[in-house]
N, C-alpha and C. Protein backbone atom coordinates (compact mmCIF):
# COMPACT_ATOMS: atom_id res chain seq x y z
N MET A 1 43.31 -7.70 -8.12
CA MET A 1 41.97 -8.14 -8.55
C MET A 1 41.43 -9.09 -7.49
N SER A 2 40.24 -8.91 -7.06
CA SER A 2 39.62 -9.77 -6.02
C SER A 2 39.01 -10.99 -6.65
N GLU A 3 39.07 -12.12 -5.88
CA GLU A 3 38.48 -13.36 -6.39
C GLU A 3 36.97 -13.31 -6.25
N SER A 4 36.34 -13.99 -7.15
CA SER A 4 34.88 -14.03 -7.11
C SER A 4 34.44 -14.94 -5.98
N PRO A 5 33.30 -14.79 -5.40
CA PRO A 5 32.80 -15.67 -4.33
C PRO A 5 32.71 -17.11 -4.79
N GLN A 6 32.40 -17.36 -6.06
CA GLN A 6 32.25 -18.74 -6.55
C GLN A 6 33.60 -19.46 -6.54
N THR A 7 34.71 -18.70 -6.96
CA THR A 7 36.03 -19.31 -7.00
C THR A 7 36.52 -19.66 -5.62
N SER A 8 36.34 -18.76 -4.65
CA SER A 8 36.80 -19.01 -3.29
C SER A 8 36.04 -20.13 -2.63
N SER A 9 34.81 -20.37 -3.00
CA SER A 9 34.00 -21.41 -2.35
C SER A 9 34.35 -22.80 -2.88
N THR A 10 34.93 -22.87 -4.09
CA THR A 10 35.25 -24.19 -4.65
C THR A 10 36.52 -24.76 -4.05
N ARG A 11 37.42 -23.91 -3.48
CA ARG A 11 38.67 -24.41 -2.94
C ARG A 11 38.46 -25.34 -1.75
N PRO A 12 37.65 -24.99 -0.75
CA PRO A 12 37.43 -25.94 0.35
C PRO A 12 36.80 -27.24 -0.13
N SER A 13 35.93 -27.16 -1.12
CA SER A 13 35.30 -28.39 -1.63
C SER A 13 36.34 -29.31 -2.26
N ALA A 14 37.26 -28.74 -3.05
CA ALA A 14 38.31 -29.54 -3.68
C ALA A 14 39.23 -30.14 -2.63
N ALA A 15 39.55 -29.37 -1.58
CA ALA A 15 40.43 -29.87 -0.52
C ALA A 15 39.76 -31.02 0.22
N ARG A 16 38.46 -30.86 0.49
CA ARG A 16 37.75 -31.94 1.17
C ARG A 16 37.69 -33.19 0.31
N ALA A 17 37.56 -33.01 -1.00
CA ALA A 17 37.50 -34.15 -1.90
C ALA A 17 38.83 -34.89 -1.91
N ARG A 18 39.95 -34.11 -1.96
CA ARG A 18 41.27 -34.76 -1.94
C ARG A 18 41.51 -35.49 -0.63
N LEU A 19 41.07 -34.87 0.49
CA LEU A 19 41.22 -35.50 1.80
C LEU A 19 40.41 -36.79 1.89
N GLY A 20 39.18 -36.72 1.35
CA GLY A 20 38.35 -37.92 1.36
C GLY A 20 38.94 -39.04 0.53
N LEU A 21 39.51 -38.68 -0.63
CA LEU A 21 40.14 -39.69 -1.49
C LEU A 21 41.36 -40.30 -0.82
N ARG A 22 42.14 -39.45 -0.12
CA ARG A 22 43.32 -39.96 0.58
C ARG A 22 42.92 -40.92 1.70
N GLN A 23 41.89 -40.56 2.45
CA GLN A 23 41.42 -41.43 3.52
C GLN A 23 40.91 -42.76 2.98
N ALA A 24 40.20 -42.69 1.83
CA ALA A 24 39.70 -43.92 1.21
C ALA A 24 40.86 -44.81 0.77
N ASN A 25 41.91 -44.19 0.21
CA ASN A 25 43.08 -44.97 -0.23
C ASN A 25 43.78 -45.62 0.96
N LEU A 26 43.91 -44.84 2.06
CA LEU A 26 44.55 -45.40 3.25
C LEU A 26 43.73 -46.55 3.83
N ALA A 27 42.42 -46.43 3.80
CA ALA A 27 41.56 -47.50 4.30
C ALA A 27 41.71 -48.75 3.44
N MET A 28 41.79 -48.55 2.12
CA MET A 28 41.95 -49.70 1.21
C MET A 28 43.30 -50.39 1.44
N VAL A 29 44.37 -49.57 1.62
CA VAL A 29 45.69 -50.13 1.88
C VAL A 29 45.67 -50.95 3.18
N GLY A 30 44.99 -50.42 4.20
CA GLY A 30 44.89 -51.13 5.46
C GLY A 30 44.17 -52.47 5.32
N LYS A 31 43.07 -52.47 4.55
CA LYS A 31 42.33 -53.72 4.33
C LYS A 31 43.18 -54.74 3.59
N LEU A 32 43.90 -54.28 2.56
CA LEU A 32 44.77 -55.19 1.81
C LEU A 32 45.88 -55.76 2.69
N ALA A 33 46.42 -54.92 3.58
CA ALA A 33 47.47 -55.40 4.48
C ALA A 33 46.93 -56.48 5.42
N VAL A 34 45.70 -56.26 5.92
CA VAL A 34 45.09 -57.26 6.81
C VAL A 34 44.85 -58.57 6.06
N ILE A 35 44.32 -58.49 4.82
CA ILE A 35 44.05 -59.68 4.02
C ILE A 35 45.35 -60.43 3.73
N THR A 36 46.41 -59.67 3.38
CA THR A 36 47.71 -60.30 3.10
C THR A 36 48.24 -61.03 4.33
N GLY A 37 48.12 -60.39 5.49
CA GLY A 37 48.57 -61.03 6.72
C GLY A 37 47.80 -62.29 7.04
N LEU A 38 46.47 -62.24 6.84
CA LEU A 38 45.65 -63.43 7.09
C LEU A 38 46.01 -64.56 6.13
N MET A 39 46.23 -64.24 4.85
CA MET A 39 46.59 -65.27 3.87
C MET A 39 47.94 -65.88 4.21
N PHE A 40 48.90 -65.07 4.62
CA PHE A 40 50.22 -65.59 4.99
C PHE A 40 50.11 -66.51 6.20
N GLY A 41 49.34 -66.09 7.20
CA GLY A 41 49.17 -66.92 8.39
C GLY A 41 48.47 -68.23 8.08
N PHE A 42 47.47 -68.19 7.20
CA PHE A 42 46.76 -69.41 6.83
C PHE A 42 47.68 -70.37 6.09
N GLY A 43 48.48 -69.82 5.15
CA GLY A 43 49.41 -70.67 4.41
C GLY A 43 50.46 -71.28 5.33
N TYR A 44 50.92 -70.51 6.32
CA TYR A 44 51.92 -71.03 7.25
C TYR A 44 51.33 -72.13 8.13
N ALA A 45 50.04 -71.99 8.47
CA ALA A 45 49.40 -72.96 9.35
C ALA A 45 48.92 -74.21 8.62
N MET A 46 48.87 -74.18 7.29
CA MET A 46 48.32 -75.32 6.55
C MET A 46 49.17 -76.58 6.70
N VAL A 47 50.50 -76.43 6.74
CA VAL A 47 51.37 -77.61 6.83
C VAL A 47 51.13 -78.39 8.12
N PRO A 48 51.19 -77.76 9.32
CA PRO A 48 50.90 -78.54 10.53
C PRO A 48 49.47 -79.04 10.58
N MET A 49 48.51 -78.23 10.06
CA MET A 49 47.12 -78.69 10.04
C MET A 49 46.99 -79.94 9.17
N TYR A 50 47.64 -79.93 8.00
CA TYR A 50 47.57 -81.06 7.09
C TYR A 50 48.18 -82.30 7.73
N ARG A 51 49.30 -82.11 8.42
CA ARG A 51 49.95 -83.25 9.07
C ARG A 51 49.07 -83.84 10.16
N HIS A 52 48.40 -82.95 10.94
CA HIS A 52 47.53 -83.45 12.00
C HIS A 52 46.34 -84.22 11.42
N ILE A 53 45.78 -83.70 10.32
CA ILE A 53 44.63 -84.38 9.69
C ILE A 53 45.05 -85.74 9.17
N CYS A 54 46.22 -85.79 8.47
CA CYS A 54 46.70 -87.07 7.94
C CYS A 54 47.01 -88.06 9.05
N ALA A 55 47.57 -87.55 10.16
CA ALA A 55 47.88 -88.44 11.28
C ALA A 55 46.60 -88.98 11.90
N ALA A 56 45.57 -88.11 12.01
CA ALA A 56 44.32 -88.56 12.61
C ALA A 56 43.61 -89.59 11.75
N LEU A 57 43.74 -89.45 10.41
CA LEU A 57 43.08 -90.39 9.49
C LEU A 57 43.96 -91.58 9.14
N GLY A 58 45.22 -91.56 9.58
CA GLY A 58 46.12 -92.67 9.26
C GLY A 58 46.57 -92.69 7.82
N ILE A 59 46.68 -91.50 7.20
CA ILE A 59 47.06 -91.42 5.79
C ILE A 59 48.56 -91.20 5.68
N ASN A 60 49.21 -92.00 4.84
CA ASN A 60 50.63 -91.83 4.58
C ASN A 60 50.79 -91.27 3.18
N VAL A 61 51.30 -90.02 3.08
CA VAL A 61 51.34 -89.35 1.77
C VAL A 61 52.76 -89.23 1.24
N LEU A 62 53.67 -90.06 1.72
CA LEU A 62 55.04 -90.00 1.22
C LEU A 62 55.09 -90.45 -0.22
N SER A 63 55.98 -89.85 -0.99
CA SER A 63 56.15 -90.24 -2.38
C SER A 63 56.94 -91.53 -2.46
N LEU A 64 56.97 -92.14 -3.64
CA LEU A 64 57.70 -93.39 -3.82
C LEU A 64 59.17 -93.22 -3.48
N GLY A 65 59.78 -92.11 -3.92
CA GLY A 65 61.18 -91.89 -3.62
C GLY A 65 61.43 -91.79 -2.12
N ASP A 66 60.51 -91.15 -1.40
CA ASP A 66 60.67 -91.00 0.04
C ASP A 66 60.45 -92.30 0.79
N ARG A 67 59.88 -93.29 0.14
CA ARG A 67 59.67 -94.57 0.79
C ARG A 67 60.84 -95.51 0.60
N GLN A 68 61.93 -94.99 0.09
CA GLN A 68 63.18 -95.74 -0.02
C GLN A 68 63.06 -96.99 -0.88
N ILE A 69 62.43 -96.82 -2.05
CA ILE A 69 62.44 -97.90 -3.03
C ILE A 69 63.88 -98.12 -3.47
N PRO A 70 64.31 -99.36 -3.64
CA PRO A 70 65.69 -99.60 -4.07
C PRO A 70 66.05 -98.78 -5.29
N GLY A 71 67.16 -98.04 -5.21
CA GLY A 71 67.58 -97.19 -6.31
C GLY A 71 67.17 -95.75 -6.15
N ALA A 72 66.30 -95.46 -5.18
CA ALA A 72 65.89 -94.07 -4.97
C ALA A 72 67.01 -93.30 -4.31
N THR A 73 67.09 -92.00 -4.59
CA THR A 73 68.17 -91.18 -4.06
C THR A 73 67.75 -90.41 -2.83
N SER A 74 66.47 -90.42 -2.51
CA SER A 74 65.99 -89.66 -1.36
C SER A 74 66.51 -90.27 -0.07
N SER A 75 66.96 -89.42 0.85
CA SER A 75 67.45 -89.90 2.14
C SER A 75 66.49 -89.47 3.23
N VAL A 76 65.56 -90.35 3.59
CA VAL A 76 64.57 -90.07 4.62
C VAL A 76 64.72 -91.11 5.71
N GLN A 77 64.09 -90.81 6.84
CA GLN A 77 64.13 -91.74 7.95
C GLN A 77 63.31 -92.98 7.62
N PRO A 78 63.70 -94.16 8.14
CA PRO A 78 62.93 -95.38 7.89
C PRO A 78 61.50 -95.25 8.39
N ASN A 79 60.63 -96.02 7.78
CA ASN A 79 59.22 -96.01 8.15
C ASN A 79 59.07 -96.48 9.59
N THR A 80 58.56 -95.60 10.45
CA THR A 80 58.41 -95.95 11.86
C THR A 80 57.19 -96.82 12.10
N GLN A 81 56.39 -97.09 11.06
CA GLN A 81 55.20 -97.91 11.22
C GLN A 81 55.46 -99.38 10.92
N VAL A 82 56.70 -99.75 10.68
CA VAL A 82 57.03 -101.15 10.42
C VAL A 82 56.83 -101.95 11.70
N ASP A 83 56.09 -103.05 11.58
CA ASP A 83 55.83 -103.92 12.72
C ASP A 83 56.90 -105.02 12.75
N LEU A 84 57.95 -104.81 13.52
CA LEU A 84 59.06 -105.76 13.57
C LEU A 84 58.71 -107.02 14.36
N SER A 85 57.58 -107.01 15.04
CA SER A 85 57.21 -108.18 15.83
C SER A 85 56.56 -109.28 14.98
N ARG A 86 56.25 -108.97 13.71
CA ARG A 86 55.61 -109.94 12.83
C ARG A 86 56.41 -110.12 11.55
N THR A 87 56.41 -111.33 11.02
CA THR A 87 57.04 -111.62 9.73
C THR A 87 56.03 -112.34 8.86
N ILE A 88 55.80 -111.80 7.67
CA ILE A 88 54.84 -112.37 6.73
C ILE A 88 55.59 -112.96 5.55
N THR A 89 55.26 -114.18 5.18
CA THR A 89 55.85 -114.81 3.99
C THR A 89 54.98 -114.48 2.77
N ILE A 90 55.59 -113.89 1.76
CA ILE A 90 54.89 -113.55 0.52
C ILE A 90 55.37 -114.51 -0.57
N GLU A 91 54.47 -115.30 -1.11
CA GLU A 91 54.78 -116.23 -2.19
C GLU A 91 54.32 -115.65 -3.51
N PHE A 92 55.08 -115.89 -4.58
CA PHE A 92 54.78 -115.33 -5.89
C PHE A 92 54.55 -116.46 -6.89
N ASP A 93 53.53 -116.27 -7.72
CA ASP A 93 53.16 -117.29 -8.70
C ASP A 93 52.82 -116.59 -10.01
N ALA A 94 52.85 -117.35 -11.12
CA ALA A 94 52.51 -116.81 -12.43
C ALA A 94 51.86 -117.89 -13.26
N ASN A 95 50.73 -117.56 -13.86
CA ASN A 95 50.04 -118.47 -14.78
C ASN A 95 50.50 -118.15 -16.20
N ALA A 96 51.37 -118.99 -16.74
CA ALA A 96 51.97 -118.76 -18.06
C ALA A 96 51.28 -119.64 -19.09
N ARG A 97 50.06 -119.29 -19.44
CA ARG A 97 49.31 -120.06 -20.43
C ARG A 97 49.31 -119.31 -21.75
N GLY A 98 50.28 -119.59 -22.58
CA GLY A 98 50.38 -118.93 -23.87
C GLY A 98 51.78 -119.05 -24.41
N PRO A 99 52.02 -118.52 -25.61
CA PRO A 99 53.35 -118.61 -26.24
C PRO A 99 54.30 -117.56 -25.67
N TRP A 100 54.48 -117.59 -24.36
CA TRP A 100 55.39 -116.67 -23.71
C TRP A 100 55.92 -117.31 -22.42
N ASP A 101 57.02 -116.78 -21.92
CA ASP A 101 57.58 -117.18 -20.64
C ASP A 101 57.28 -116.09 -19.62
N PHE A 102 56.78 -116.48 -18.48
CA PHE A 102 56.36 -115.50 -17.48
C PHE A 102 56.56 -116.12 -16.10
N LYS A 103 57.38 -115.49 -15.26
CA LYS A 103 57.67 -116.06 -13.95
C LYS A 103 58.23 -114.98 -13.01
N PRO A 104 58.10 -115.19 -11.71
CA PRO A 104 58.74 -114.28 -10.76
C PRO A 104 60.23 -114.56 -10.65
N ALA A 105 61.01 -113.53 -10.38
CA ALA A 105 62.45 -113.72 -10.24
C ALA A 105 62.77 -114.49 -8.95
N VAL A 106 61.93 -114.34 -7.94
CA VAL A 106 62.07 -115.09 -6.69
C VAL A 106 60.71 -115.69 -6.37
N ARG A 107 60.73 -116.82 -5.68
CA ARG A 107 59.47 -117.51 -5.38
C ARG A 107 58.82 -117.02 -4.10
N SER A 108 59.61 -116.45 -3.18
CA SER A 108 59.03 -115.97 -1.93
C SER A 108 60.00 -115.01 -1.26
N VAL A 109 59.44 -114.15 -0.43
CA VAL A 109 60.22 -113.24 0.41
C VAL A 109 59.52 -113.16 1.76
N GLN A 110 60.26 -112.72 2.76
CA GLN A 110 59.69 -112.49 4.07
C GLN A 110 59.79 -111.00 4.39
N VAL A 111 58.68 -110.42 4.81
CA VAL A 111 58.63 -108.99 5.09
C VAL A 111 57.92 -108.75 6.42
N HIS A 112 58.20 -107.60 6.98
CA HIS A 112 57.46 -107.13 8.15
C HIS A 112 56.30 -106.26 7.67
N PRO A 113 55.15 -106.30 8.30
CA PRO A 113 54.07 -105.38 7.93
C PRO A 113 54.56 -103.93 8.02
N GLY A 114 54.26 -103.15 7.00
CA GLY A 114 54.71 -101.78 6.93
C GLY A 114 56.04 -101.60 6.23
N GLU A 115 56.73 -102.69 5.91
CA GLU A 115 58.03 -102.62 5.24
C GLU A 115 57.84 -102.61 3.73
N LEU A 116 58.52 -101.68 3.04
CA LEU A 116 58.42 -101.58 1.60
C LEU A 116 59.32 -102.62 0.95
N MET A 117 58.78 -103.33 -0.05
CA MET A 117 59.53 -104.40 -0.70
C MET A 117 59.32 -104.32 -2.21
N THR A 118 60.37 -104.64 -2.97
CA THR A 118 60.29 -104.68 -4.43
C THR A 118 60.78 -106.04 -4.92
N VAL A 119 59.98 -106.69 -5.76
CA VAL A 119 60.38 -107.94 -6.41
C VAL A 119 60.20 -107.77 -7.92
N MET A 120 60.82 -108.64 -8.69
CA MET A 120 60.78 -108.54 -10.14
C MET A 120 60.05 -109.73 -10.74
N TYR A 121 59.33 -109.45 -11.85
CA TYR A 121 58.74 -110.51 -12.67
C TYR A 121 59.41 -110.47 -14.04
N GLU A 122 59.63 -111.64 -14.62
CA GLU A 122 60.32 -111.75 -15.90
C GLU A 122 59.35 -112.25 -16.97
N PHE A 123 59.45 -111.64 -18.14
CA PHE A 123 58.54 -112.00 -19.24
C PHE A 123 59.32 -112.05 -20.55
N ARG A 124 58.98 -113.02 -21.40
CA ARG A 124 59.56 -113.09 -22.74
C ARG A 124 58.51 -113.53 -23.74
N ASN A 125 58.38 -112.76 -24.81
CA ASN A 125 57.47 -113.09 -25.90
C ASN A 125 58.16 -114.09 -26.84
N ARG A 126 57.69 -115.34 -26.87
CA ARG A 126 58.32 -116.37 -27.70
C ARG A 126 57.77 -116.42 -29.11
N GLN A 127 56.89 -115.49 -29.45
CA GLN A 127 56.27 -115.49 -30.77
C GLN A 127 57.11 -114.70 -31.78
N ASP A 128 56.84 -114.92 -33.06
CA ASP A 128 57.51 -114.16 -34.11
C ASP A 128 56.65 -112.99 -34.55
N ARG A 129 55.82 -112.51 -33.68
CA ARG A 129 54.94 -111.35 -33.93
C ARG A 129 54.82 -110.54 -32.65
N PRO A 130 54.48 -109.25 -32.78
CA PRO A 130 54.28 -108.44 -31.57
C PRO A 130 52.99 -108.86 -30.86
N MET A 131 52.92 -108.56 -29.59
CA MET A 131 51.72 -108.88 -28.82
C MET A 131 51.47 -107.77 -27.80
N ALA A 132 50.19 -107.53 -27.51
CA ALA A 132 49.78 -106.61 -26.45
C ALA A 132 49.13 -107.45 -25.36
N ALA A 133 49.53 -107.23 -24.13
CA ALA A 133 49.05 -108.07 -23.04
C ALA A 133 48.98 -107.29 -21.75
N GLN A 134 48.28 -107.88 -20.79
CA GLN A 134 48.15 -107.28 -19.46
C GLN A 134 48.01 -108.39 -18.43
N ALA A 135 48.45 -108.10 -17.20
CA ALA A 135 48.38 -109.07 -16.12
C ALA A 135 47.29 -108.69 -15.13
N ILE A 136 46.65 -109.71 -14.58
CA ILE A 136 45.63 -109.52 -13.54
C ILE A 136 46.10 -110.24 -12.28
N PRO A 137 46.16 -109.54 -11.14
CA PRO A 137 46.63 -110.18 -9.92
C PRO A 137 45.48 -110.85 -9.16
N SER A 138 45.83 -111.84 -8.36
CA SER A 138 44.89 -112.46 -7.42
C SER A 138 45.65 -112.78 -6.15
N TYR A 139 44.92 -112.91 -5.06
CA TYR A 139 45.55 -113.06 -3.76
C TYR A 139 44.92 -114.22 -2.99
N ALA A 140 45.74 -114.86 -2.19
CA ALA A 140 45.25 -115.89 -1.29
C ALA A 140 46.01 -115.73 0.04
N PRO A 141 45.28 -115.73 1.15
CA PRO A 141 43.82 -115.81 1.28
C PRO A 141 43.14 -114.51 0.86
N LYS A 142 41.85 -114.59 0.62
CA LYS A 142 41.10 -113.44 0.11
C LYS A 142 41.13 -112.25 1.06
N GLN A 143 41.13 -112.51 2.37
CA GLN A 143 41.09 -111.39 3.31
C GLN A 143 42.37 -110.56 3.28
N ALA A 144 43.40 -111.06 2.61
CA ALA A 144 44.65 -110.29 2.50
C ALA A 144 44.60 -109.26 1.38
N THR A 145 43.61 -109.36 0.50
CA THR A 145 43.56 -108.49 -0.68
C THR A 145 43.60 -107.01 -0.32
N SER A 146 42.78 -106.59 0.62
CA SER A 146 42.70 -105.17 0.97
C SER A 146 43.90 -104.70 1.77
N HIS A 147 44.76 -105.62 2.20
CA HIS A 147 45.94 -105.26 2.99
C HIS A 147 47.23 -105.35 2.18
N PHE A 148 47.11 -105.76 0.91
CA PHE A 148 48.28 -105.85 0.03
C PHE A 148 48.29 -104.60 -0.85
N ASN A 149 49.10 -103.63 -0.48
CA ASN A 149 49.10 -102.33 -1.16
C ASN A 149 50.28 -102.24 -2.12
N LYS A 150 49.97 -102.18 -3.43
CA LYS A 150 51.01 -102.07 -4.45
C LYS A 150 51.25 -100.60 -4.80
N MET A 151 52.50 -100.16 -4.68
CA MET A 151 52.87 -98.79 -5.04
C MET A 151 53.25 -98.70 -6.53
N GLU A 152 53.82 -99.78 -7.03
CA GLU A 152 54.21 -99.84 -8.44
C GLU A 152 53.99 -101.27 -8.91
N CYS A 153 53.40 -101.41 -10.10
CA CYS A 153 53.13 -102.76 -10.61
C CYS A 153 52.93 -102.71 -12.11
N PHE A 154 53.50 -103.68 -12.82
CA PHE A 154 53.31 -103.78 -14.26
C PHE A 154 51.86 -104.08 -14.61
N CYS A 155 51.09 -104.56 -13.63
CA CYS A 155 49.68 -104.87 -13.88
C CYS A 155 48.81 -103.62 -13.99
N PHE A 156 49.38 -102.43 -13.72
CA PHE A 156 48.61 -101.20 -13.82
C PHE A 156 48.34 -100.78 -15.26
N ALA A 157 49.06 -101.37 -16.21
CA ALA A 157 48.92 -100.92 -17.60
C ALA A 157 49.12 -102.09 -18.56
N GLU A 158 48.68 -101.88 -19.80
CA GLU A 158 48.93 -102.86 -20.86
C GLU A 158 50.35 -102.69 -21.40
N HIS A 159 50.88 -103.77 -21.97
CA HIS A 159 52.24 -103.73 -22.50
C HIS A 159 52.26 -104.32 -23.91
N THR A 160 53.02 -103.68 -24.78
CA THR A 160 53.24 -104.20 -26.12
C THR A 160 54.67 -104.68 -26.24
N LEU A 161 54.84 -105.94 -26.65
CA LEU A 161 56.17 -106.54 -26.73
C LEU A 161 56.47 -106.98 -28.16
N LYS A 162 57.69 -106.75 -28.58
CA LYS A 162 58.11 -107.13 -29.92
C LYS A 162 58.38 -108.63 -29.98
N PRO A 163 58.48 -109.18 -31.16
CA PRO A 163 58.80 -110.61 -31.28
C PRO A 163 60.11 -110.95 -30.56
N GLY A 164 60.04 -111.93 -29.67
CA GLY A 164 61.23 -112.36 -28.94
C GLY A 164 61.69 -111.41 -27.85
N GLU A 165 60.96 -110.33 -27.59
CA GLU A 165 61.39 -109.34 -26.60
C GLU A 165 61.23 -109.86 -25.18
N SER A 166 62.20 -109.53 -24.32
CA SER A 166 62.16 -109.89 -22.90
C SER A 166 62.06 -108.63 -22.05
N LYS A 167 61.35 -108.75 -20.93
CA LYS A 167 61.17 -107.63 -20.02
C LYS A 167 61.32 -108.10 -18.58
N ARG A 168 61.77 -107.17 -17.72
CA ARG A 168 61.76 -107.38 -16.28
C ARG A 168 60.97 -106.25 -15.66
N TRP A 169 59.93 -106.59 -14.90
CA TRP A 169 59.03 -105.59 -14.34
C TRP A 169 59.03 -105.66 -12.82
N PRO A 170 59.04 -104.48 -12.16
CA PRO A 170 59.01 -104.48 -10.70
C PRO A 170 57.60 -104.49 -10.14
N VAL A 171 57.47 -105.06 -8.97
CA VAL A 171 56.26 -104.95 -8.16
C VAL A 171 56.72 -104.43 -6.80
N THR A 172 56.33 -103.21 -6.47
CA THR A 172 56.68 -102.60 -5.20
C THR A 172 55.44 -102.58 -4.31
N PHE A 173 55.55 -103.13 -3.13
CA PHE A 173 54.35 -103.28 -2.30
C PHE A 173 54.70 -103.12 -0.82
N VAL A 174 53.67 -102.95 -0.03
CA VAL A 174 53.80 -102.91 1.42
C VAL A 174 52.56 -103.60 2.00
N ILE A 175 52.76 -104.40 3.04
CA ILE A 175 51.66 -105.08 3.70
C ILE A 175 51.16 -104.20 4.84
N ASP A 176 49.86 -103.94 4.83
CA ASP A 176 49.25 -103.11 5.86
C ASP A 176 49.44 -103.76 7.23
N PRO A 177 49.96 -103.01 8.22
CA PRO A 177 50.10 -103.57 9.57
C PRO A 177 48.78 -104.03 10.17
N LYS A 178 47.66 -103.62 9.59
CA LYS A 178 46.35 -104.05 10.10
C LYS A 178 45.94 -105.42 9.57
N LEU A 179 46.84 -106.09 8.85
CA LEU A 179 46.56 -107.44 8.38
C LEU A 179 46.19 -108.33 9.57
N PRO A 180 45.11 -109.13 9.44
CA PRO A 180 44.72 -109.99 10.56
C PRO A 180 45.87 -110.83 11.08
N LYS A 181 45.92 -110.99 12.38
CA LYS A 181 47.03 -111.68 13.04
C LYS A 181 47.16 -113.14 12.61
N ASP A 182 46.06 -113.76 12.17
CA ASP A 182 46.12 -115.18 11.82
C ASP A 182 46.65 -115.41 10.41
N VAL A 183 46.94 -114.33 9.66
CA VAL A 183 47.48 -114.47 8.30
C VAL A 183 49.00 -114.37 8.37
N ALA A 184 49.68 -115.46 8.07
CA ALA A 184 51.15 -115.49 8.12
C ALA A 184 51.76 -115.66 6.74
N THR A 185 50.94 -116.09 5.76
CA THR A 185 51.43 -116.31 4.39
C THR A 185 50.43 -115.73 3.40
N ILE A 186 50.94 -114.99 2.42
CA ILE A 186 50.10 -114.43 1.35
C ILE A 186 50.69 -114.87 0.02
N THR A 187 49.83 -115.33 -0.88
CA THR A 187 50.27 -115.72 -2.22
C THR A 187 49.76 -114.69 -3.23
N LEU A 188 50.68 -114.08 -3.95
CA LEU A 188 50.34 -113.15 -5.03
C LEU A 188 50.54 -113.88 -6.35
N SER A 189 49.47 -113.99 -7.12
CA SER A 189 49.54 -114.71 -8.40
C SER A 189 49.09 -113.78 -9.53
N TYR A 190 49.78 -113.89 -10.67
CA TYR A 190 49.42 -113.08 -11.84
C TYR A 190 49.03 -114.01 -13.00
N THR A 191 47.98 -113.62 -13.69
CA THR A 191 47.60 -114.28 -14.94
C THR A 191 47.81 -113.29 -16.06
N PHE A 192 48.63 -113.66 -17.04
CA PHE A 192 48.97 -112.78 -18.16
C PHE A 192 48.15 -113.20 -19.38
N PHE A 193 47.47 -112.25 -20.00
CA PHE A 193 46.65 -112.59 -21.16
C PHE A 193 46.80 -111.52 -22.23
N GLU A 194 46.56 -111.90 -23.46
CA GLU A 194 46.67 -110.97 -24.58
C GLU A 194 45.45 -110.06 -24.66
N VAL A 195 45.71 -108.83 -25.12
CA VAL A 195 44.65 -107.85 -25.31
C VAL A 195 44.48 -107.64 -26.80
N GLY A 196 43.33 -107.96 -27.33
CA GLY A 196 43.10 -107.85 -28.76
C GLY A 196 42.88 -106.43 -29.22
N GLY A 197 43.04 -106.22 -30.53
CA GLY A 197 42.73 -104.93 -31.14
C GLY A 197 43.93 -104.05 -31.40
N LYS A 198 45.04 -104.24 -30.68
CA LYS A 198 46.21 -103.38 -30.85
C LYS A 198 47.27 -103.99 -31.76
N VAL A 199 47.32 -105.29 -31.78
CA VAL A 199 48.29 -105.98 -32.63
C VAL A 199 47.56 -107.09 -33.36
N PRO A 200 48.14 -107.68 -34.43
CA PRO A 200 47.48 -108.77 -35.13
C PRO A 200 47.16 -109.93 -34.19
N ALA A 201 46.04 -110.57 -34.46
CA ALA A 201 45.62 -111.70 -33.63
C ALA A 201 46.59 -112.86 -33.79
N ALA A 202 46.64 -113.68 -32.73
CA ALA A 202 47.52 -114.83 -32.77
C ALA A 202 47.01 -115.84 -33.81
N PRO A 203 47.92 -116.48 -34.55
CA PRO A 203 47.48 -117.51 -35.51
C PRO A 203 46.77 -118.63 -34.79
N LYS A 204 45.82 -119.26 -35.47
CA LYS A 204 45.06 -120.36 -34.88
C LYS A 204 46.00 -121.50 -34.51
N GLY A 205 45.78 -122.04 -33.31
CA GLY A 205 46.58 -123.15 -32.84
C GLY A 205 47.89 -122.76 -32.23
N SER A 206 48.15 -121.42 -32.08
CA SER A 206 49.42 -120.98 -31.49
C SER A 206 49.39 -120.96 -29.99
N VAL A 207 48.18 -120.97 -29.40
CA VAL A 207 48.05 -120.92 -27.95
C VAL A 207 47.75 -122.29 -27.42
């Protein structure tokens, strides 16, 4: 039996359609491969680019553990930005105006600019009731304020203490090497005050 002219004419059309679809699929695969390669290259290049940008802007993005805070387990190289040619005396003070004990564990330390240091503050609630409180820091001289960088500080948050409860809080800081050369001593002082609304108010005459 002979094929009809209509049947024989549809075969080349179907073959061309399949060929066109195959070529379109191959072109799409090629485009996806190029995009994947570009994305991989960009991701690989981001780390050195990021490092160069941070170096140009003077940004230090190390985590607290990488900065060798006492007790940290990370083993990294010491901070190469420490200025060993200068020694700054940091004095610590506390305004303890209230029914509590509040003082630094040490009165002063000596550090090099760029060196990470941790000191402790001690607090005890002498009341027979809970209290919520927060500390506000101040600095002397004033021009040292922007160069005193705290990485960890109890002053970042409010604290609730039970009757008679004692606490030891760390202050982890680093002095910016850009501190003016004429500043050799910095005093960090904290004022501790109660925050109302979270616990019962202090009885009249208790402060």
